[in-house]
N, C-alpha and C. Protein backbone atom coordinates (compact mmCIF):
# COMPACT_ATOMS: atom_id res chain seq x y z
N MET A 1 -2.96 5.13 -13.05
CA MET A 1 -2.28 3.74 -12.79
C MET A 1 -1.92 3.69 -11.32
N GLY A 2 -1.89 2.42 -10.78
CA GLY A 2 -1.63 2.14 -9.47
C GLY A 2 0.01 2.07 -9.24
N LYS A 3 0.27 1.80 -7.97
CA LYS A 3 1.83 1.70 -7.62
C LYS A 3 2.41 0.51 -8.30
N SER A 4 1.67 -0.60 -8.58
CA SER A 4 2.32 -1.75 -9.13
C SER A 4 2.13 -1.82 -10.58
N CYS A 5 1.63 -0.82 -11.33
CA CYS A 5 1.49 -0.86 -12.67
C CYS A 5 2.78 -0.52 -13.44
N ILE A 6 2.93 -1.33 -14.49
CA ILE A 6 4.09 -1.01 -15.32
C ILE A 6 3.61 -0.72 -16.76
N ARG A 7 3.99 0.21 -17.44
CA ARG A 7 3.51 0.63 -18.71
C ARG A 7 4.50 0.40 -19.82
N PHE A 8 4.12 -0.29 -20.81
CA PHE A 8 5.04 -0.51 -21.96
C PHE A 8 4.45 0.12 -23.19
N LYS A 9 5.15 0.87 -23.94
CA LYS A 9 4.50 1.50 -25.09
C LYS A 9 4.49 0.58 -26.27
N LYS A 10 5.39 -0.38 -26.37
CA LYS A 10 5.48 -1.27 -27.50
C LYS A 10 5.58 -2.70 -26.96
N VAL A 11 4.67 -3.58 -27.63
CA VAL A 11 4.58 -4.94 -27.26
C VAL A 11 6.02 -5.68 -27.31
N ASP A 12 6.81 -5.30 -28.21
CA ASP A 12 8.18 -5.95 -28.33
C ASP A 12 9.07 -5.55 -27.29
N GLN A 13 8.69 -4.54 -26.42
CA GLN A 13 9.63 -4.16 -25.32
C GLN A 13 9.29 -4.91 -23.97
N ILE A 14 8.24 -5.66 -23.96
CA ILE A 14 7.86 -6.31 -22.78
C ILE A 14 8.80 -7.42 -22.44
N PRO A 15 9.49 -7.45 -21.24
CA PRO A 15 10.54 -8.53 -20.93
C PRO A 15 9.78 -9.67 -20.31
N TYR A 16 9.18 -10.47 -21.04
CA TYR A 16 8.29 -11.60 -20.54
C TYR A 16 9.16 -12.48 -19.62
N GLU A 17 10.31 -12.82 -19.96
CA GLU A 17 11.23 -13.75 -19.19
C GLU A 17 11.43 -13.14 -17.66
N LEU A 18 11.62 -11.82 -17.69
CA LEU A 18 11.76 -11.12 -16.38
C LEU A 18 10.50 -11.15 -15.61
N ILE A 19 9.43 -10.85 -16.19
CA ILE A 19 8.16 -10.84 -15.58
C ILE A 19 7.91 -12.26 -14.95
N ALA A 20 8.10 -13.25 -15.82
CA ALA A 20 7.83 -14.65 -15.31
C ALA A 20 8.67 -14.95 -14.11
N GLU A 21 10.03 -14.49 -14.14
CA GLU A 21 10.90 -14.71 -12.99
C GLU A 21 10.45 -14.03 -11.63
N LEU A 22 10.00 -12.83 -11.82
CA LEU A 22 9.46 -12.05 -10.75
C LEU A 22 8.16 -12.67 -10.08
N VAL A 23 7.28 -13.06 -10.99
CA VAL A 23 5.99 -13.69 -10.56
C VAL A 23 6.16 -14.91 -9.72
N GLN A 24 7.18 -15.67 -10.15
CA GLN A 24 7.52 -17.01 -9.43
C GLN A 24 8.02 -16.81 -8.02
N LYS A 25 8.48 -15.63 -7.66
CA LYS A 25 9.23 -15.39 -6.42
C LYS A 25 8.16 -15.15 -5.15
N MET A 26 6.84 -15.09 -5.56
CA MET A 26 5.82 -14.97 -4.57
C MET A 26 4.77 -16.16 -4.72
N GLU A 27 4.39 -16.66 -3.63
CA GLU A 27 3.32 -17.71 -3.72
C GLU A 27 1.99 -17.09 -3.87
N VAL A 28 1.16 -17.75 -4.51
CA VAL A 28 -0.26 -17.21 -4.74
C VAL A 28 -1.02 -16.84 -3.34
N GLN A 29 -0.84 -17.63 -2.36
CA GLN A 29 -1.55 -17.36 -1.22
C GLN A 29 -1.02 -16.12 -0.55
N ARG A 30 0.24 -15.93 -0.51
CA ARG A 30 0.84 -14.73 0.08
C ARG A 30 0.41 -13.44 -0.76
N TRP A 31 0.27 -13.55 -2.09
CA TRP A 31 -0.21 -12.44 -2.85
C TRP A 31 -1.71 -12.07 -2.36
N ILE A 32 -2.42 -13.12 -2.31
CA ILE A 32 -3.89 -12.95 -1.93
C ILE A 32 -4.04 -12.39 -0.54
N ASP A 33 -3.13 -12.74 0.40
CA ASP A 33 -3.19 -12.23 1.78
C ASP A 33 -2.84 -10.71 1.74
N ILE A 34 -1.83 -10.43 1.01
CA ILE A 34 -1.45 -8.96 0.93
C ILE A 34 -2.57 -8.12 0.29
N TYR A 35 -3.09 -8.67 -0.83
CA TYR A 35 -4.18 -7.90 -1.48
C TYR A 35 -5.40 -7.71 -0.56
N GLU A 36 -5.74 -8.82 0.13
CA GLU A 36 -6.93 -8.64 1.07
C GLU A 36 -6.67 -7.78 2.21
N LYS A 37 -5.55 -7.77 2.76
CA LYS A 37 -5.08 -6.83 3.85
C LYS A 37 -5.15 -5.35 3.26
N ASP A 38 -4.70 -5.16 2.06
CA ASP A 38 -4.74 -3.71 1.53
C ASP A 38 -6.28 -3.32 1.25
N ILE A 39 -7.00 -4.27 0.78
CA ILE A 39 -8.42 -3.95 0.42
C ILE A 39 -9.19 -3.43 1.80
N LYS A 40 -8.84 -4.17 2.89
CA LYS A 40 -9.51 -3.87 4.18
C LYS A 40 -9.17 -2.51 4.72
N LYS A 41 -7.99 -1.90 4.37
CA LYS A 41 -7.52 -0.63 4.78
C LYS A 41 -8.40 0.42 4.19
N LYS A 42 -8.99 0.29 3.06
CA LYS A 42 -9.82 1.26 2.31
C LYS A 42 -11.24 1.33 2.62
């Protein structure tokens, strides 16, 4: 698993509301820029 992986053993333990809130805090283009920058390092 990578640094950003989160593992849930049971589906009913997944905090969907929290995940939705966290995802909304970053714009898609910023996420893409960070991803592409990281890919170029490897």
